[in-house]
C-alpha atoms as a PDB file:
ATOM      1  CA  MET A   1     193.195 -46.924  92.424  1.00  0.00           C
ATOM      2  CA  ALA A   2     195.797 -44.303  91.545  1.00  0.00           C
ATOM      3  CA  ASP A   3     196.938 -41.642  93.987  1.00  0.00           C
ATOM      4  CA  THR A   4     197.009 -38.124  92.601  1.00  0.00           C
ATOM      5  CA  ILE A   5     200.118 -35.963  92.666  1.00  0.00           C
ATOM      6  CA  ALA A   6     199.265 -32.272  92.567  1.00  0.00           C
ATOM      7  CA  THR A   7     200.877 -30.499  89.646  1.00  0.00           C
ATOM      8  CA  GLY A   8     200.563 -26.955  90.933  1.00  0.00           C
ATOM      9  CA  ASN A   9     198.158 -24.212  90.057  1.00  0.00           C
ATOM     10  CA  LYS A  10     199.794 -22.330  87.216  1.00  0.00           C
ATOM     11  CA  ILE A  11     202.173 -22.812  84.379  1.00  0.00           C
ATOM     12  CA  ALA A  12     204.206 -20.393  82.285  1.00  0.00           C
ATOM     13  CA  GLY A  13     204.804 -17.873  85.057  1.00  0.00           C
ATOM     14  CA  GLY A  14     201.366 -16.656  86.035  1.00  0.00           C
ATOM     15  CA  THR A  15     199.518 -16.905  82.760  1.00  0.00           C
ATOM     16  CA  GLY A  16     196.575 -18.259  84.664  1.00  0.00           C
ATOM     17  CA  ARG A  17     196.350 -21.514  82.751  1.00  0.00           C
ATOM     18  CA  ILE A  18     195.460 -24.122  85.316  1.00  0.00           C
ATOM     19  CA  VAL A  19     196.980 -27.580  85.460  1.00  0.00           C
ATOM     20  CA  SER A  20     194.859 -29.581  87.844  1.00  0.00           C
ATOM     21  CA  GLY A  21     196.088 -32.311  90.143  1.00  0.00           C
ATOM     22  CA  ARG A  22     194.321 -34.916  88.067  1.00  0.00           C
ATOM     23  CA  GLU A  23     196.709 -34.451  85.143  1.00  0.00           C
ATOM     24  CA  LEU A  24     199.356 -36.825  86.517  1.00  0.00           C
ATOM     25  CA  ASN A  25     198.268 -39.748  88.628  1.00  0.00           C
ATOM     26  CA  MET A  26     200.445 -42.190  90.505  1.00  0.00           C
ATOM     27  CA  PRO A  27     199.890 -45.243  88.302  1.00  0.00           C
ATOM     28  CA  ASP A  28     199.722 -48.771  89.643  1.00  0.00           C
ATOM     29  CA  THR A  29     199.287 -51.104  86.698  1.00  0.00           C
ATOM     30  CA  GLU A  30     200.885 -53.973  88.637  1.00  0.00           C
ATOM     31  CA  ASN A  31     204.186 -53.665  86.717  1.00  0.00           C
ATOM     32  CA  VAL A  32     206.862 -51.054  86.100  1.00  0.00           C
ATOM     33  CA  ALA A  33     206.514 -51.133  82.301  1.00  0.00           C
ATOM     34  CA  GLY A  34     202.817 -50.286  82.468  1.00  0.00           C
ATOM     35  CA  ASP A  35     203.413 -47.598  85.083  1.00  0.00           C
ATOM     36  CA  LEU A  36     206.135 -45.940  83.009  1.00  0.00           C
ATOM     37  CA  ARG A  37     203.977 -46.116  79.863  1.00  0.00           C
ATOM     38  CA  HIS A  38     201.214 -44.303  81.765  1.00  0.00           C
ATOM     39  CA  ILE A  39     203.597 -41.536  82.877  1.00  0.00           C
ATOM     40  CA  ILE A  40     205.088 -41.143  79.394  1.00  0.00           C
ATOM     41  CA  LYS A  41     201.695 -41.026  77.667  1.00  0.00           C
ATOM     42  CA  THR A  42     200.475 -38.401  80.138  1.00  0.00           C
ATOM     43  CA  VAL A  43     203.568 -36.237  79.740  1.00  0.00           C
ATOM     44  CA  VAL A  44     203.555 -36.493  75.940  1.00  0.00           C
ATOM     45  CA  HIS A  45     199.849 -35.673  75.829  1.00  0.00           C
ATOM     46  CA  LEU A  46     200.245 -32.618  78.045  1.00  0.00           C
ATOM     47  CA  GLN A  47     203.367 -31.519  76.205  1.00  0.00           C
ATOM     48  CA  THR A  48     201.930 -31.785  72.707  1.00  0.00           C
ATOM     49  CA  ARG A  49     198.158 -31.710  72.838  1.00  0.00           C
ATOM     50  CA  THR A  50     197.200 -29.125  75.446  1.00  0.00           C
ATOM     51  CA  VAL A  51     197.583 -25.388  75.846  1.00  0.00           C
ATOM     52  CA  ALA A  52     200.412 -26.087  78.271  1.00  0.00           C
ATOM     53  CA  GLY A  53     202.786 -27.271  75.544  1.00  0.00           C
ATOM     54  CA  PRO A  54     206.498 -26.591  76.019  1.00  0.00           C
ATOM     55  CA  ALA A  55     205.948 -24.164  78.915  1.00  0.00           C
ATOM     56  CA  PHE A  56     204.517 -27.120  80.773  1.00  0.00           C
ATOM     57  CA  LEU A  57     207.915 -28.808  80.986  1.00  0.00           C
ATOM     58  CA  ALA A  58     209.563 -26.314  83.312  1.00  0.00           C
ATOM     59  CA  GLU A  59     206.716 -26.195  85.812  1.00  0.00           C
ATOM     60  CA  PHE A  60     205.907 -29.885  85.678  1.00  0.00           C
ATOM     61  CA  ALA A  61     209.368 -31.496  85.637  1.00  0.00           C
ATOM     62  CA  GLU A  62     209.725 -31.958  89.396  1.00  0.00           C
ATOM     63  CA  ARG A  63     206.250 -33.477  89.753  1.00  0.00           C
ATOM     64  CA  ARG A  64     206.980 -35.901  86.926  1.00  0.00           C
ATOM     65  CA  ARG A  65     210.261 -36.843  88.615  1.00  0.00           C
ATOM     66  CA  GLU A  66     208.470 -37.348  91.939  1.00  0.00           C
ATOM     67  CA  VAL A  67     205.905 -39.717  90.435  1.00  0.00           C
ATOM     68  CA  THR A  68     208.493 -41.607  88.393  1.00  0.00           C
ATOM     69  CA  ARG A  69     210.780 -41.931  91.427  1.00  0.00           C
ATOM     70  CA  ALA A  70     207.929 -43.493  93.431  1.00  0.00           C
ATOM     71  CA  VAL A  71     207.129 -45.890  90.569  1.00  0.00           C
ATOM     72  CA  LEU A  72     210.761 -46.991  90.337  1.00  0.00           C
ATOM     73  CA  ARG A  73     211.094 -47.459  94.104  1.00  0.00           C
ATOM     74  CA  ARG A  74     207.995 -49.645  94.019  1.00  0.00           C
ATOM     75  CA  ALA A  75     209.529 -51.605  91.118  1.00  0.00           C
ATOM     76  CA  ILE A  76     212.622 -52.217  93.240  1.00  0.00           C
ATOM     77  CA  GLN A  77     210.426 -53.509  96.073  1.00  0.00           C
ATOM     78  CA  ARG A  78     208.665 -55.814  93.612  1.00  0.00           C
ATOM     79  CA  ARG A  79     212.081 -56.919  92.312  1.00  0.00           C
ATOM     80  CA  GLU A  80     211.234 -55.803  88.774  1.00  0.00           C
ATOM     81  CA  ILE A  81     214.445 -53.786  88.631  1.00  0.00           C
ATOM     82  CA  ARG A  82     217.704 -54.187  90.564  1.00  0.00           C
ATOM     83  CA  ALA A  83     218.061 -52.636  94.005  1.00  0.00           C
ATOM     84  CA  GLY A  84     221.243 -50.823  92.957  1.00  0.00           C
ATOM     85  CA  THR A  85     219.553 -48.970  90.089  1.00  0.00           C
ATOM     86  CA  ASP A  86     220.436 -45.275  89.939  1.00  0.00           C
ATOM     87  CA  ILE A  87     216.894 -43.909  89.979  1.00  0.00           C
ATOM     88  CA  ASP A  88     217.809 -40.335  89.087  1.00  0.00           C
ATOM     89  CA  LEU A  89     219.916 -41.469  86.127  1.00  0.00           C
ATOM     90  CA  PHE A  90     217.037 -43.695  84.999  1.00  0.00           C
ATOM     91  CA  ILE A  91     214.631 -40.744  85.218  1.00  0.00           C
ATOM     92  CA  ASP A  92     217.028 -38.464  83.307  1.00  0.00           C
ATOM     93  CA  ALA A  93     217.488 -41.044  80.538  1.00  0.00           C
ATOM     94  CA  LEU A  94     213.762 -41.695  80.244  1.00  0.00           C
ATOM     95  CA  GLY A  95     212.879 -37.996  80.298  1.00  0.00           C
ATOM     96  CA  GLY A  96     215.529 -37.187  77.726  1.00  0.00           C
ATOM     97  CA  ALA A  97     214.265 -39.887  75.397  1.00  0.00           C
ATOM     98  CA  VAL A  98     210.669 -38.669  75.670  1.00  0.00           C
ATOM     99  CA  THR A  99     211.610 -35.015  75.155  1.00  0.00           C
ATOM    100  CA  SER A 100     213.853 -35.889  72.223  1.00  0.00           C
ATOM    101  CA  GLY A 101     211.091 -37.947  70.639  1.00  0.00           C
ATOM    102  CA  CYS A 102     208.584 -35.109  71.001  1.00  0.00           C
ATOM    103  CA  SER A 103     211.053 -32.595  69.555  1.00  0.00           C
ATOM    104  CA  ALA A 104     211.759 -34.862  66.590  1.00  0.00           C
ATOM    105  CA  LYS A 105     208.032 -35.154  65.839  1.00  0.00           C
ATOM    106  CA  GLU A 106     207.587 -31.378  66.018  1.00  0.00           C
ATOM    107  CA  SER A 107     210.397 -30.786  63.529  1.00  0.00           C
ATOM    108  CA  ARG A 108     208.854 -33.014  60.864  1.00  0.00           C
END
């Protein structure tokens, strides 16, 4: 069962749009690839298919990093990725690729 990471109560500086804690769960698909796919799909969905859209990114970024950091630490414990992996660099690269991909789709 997935643990829930709270995403906060509001986005876009008090607009009142609620992002509930259930929006981003701590995945445990038994492997890092599946866990990361879950996080990416959730972020892309919230970024492109909800009222949150781009404003979502600023408010949600730290929660996404927190969940991804936990997933990667678990992957290190499972020996799916090397112990010396720079987790923050990994998160930055992954987040940049997802954001870039979403931006490219929007510009088409």
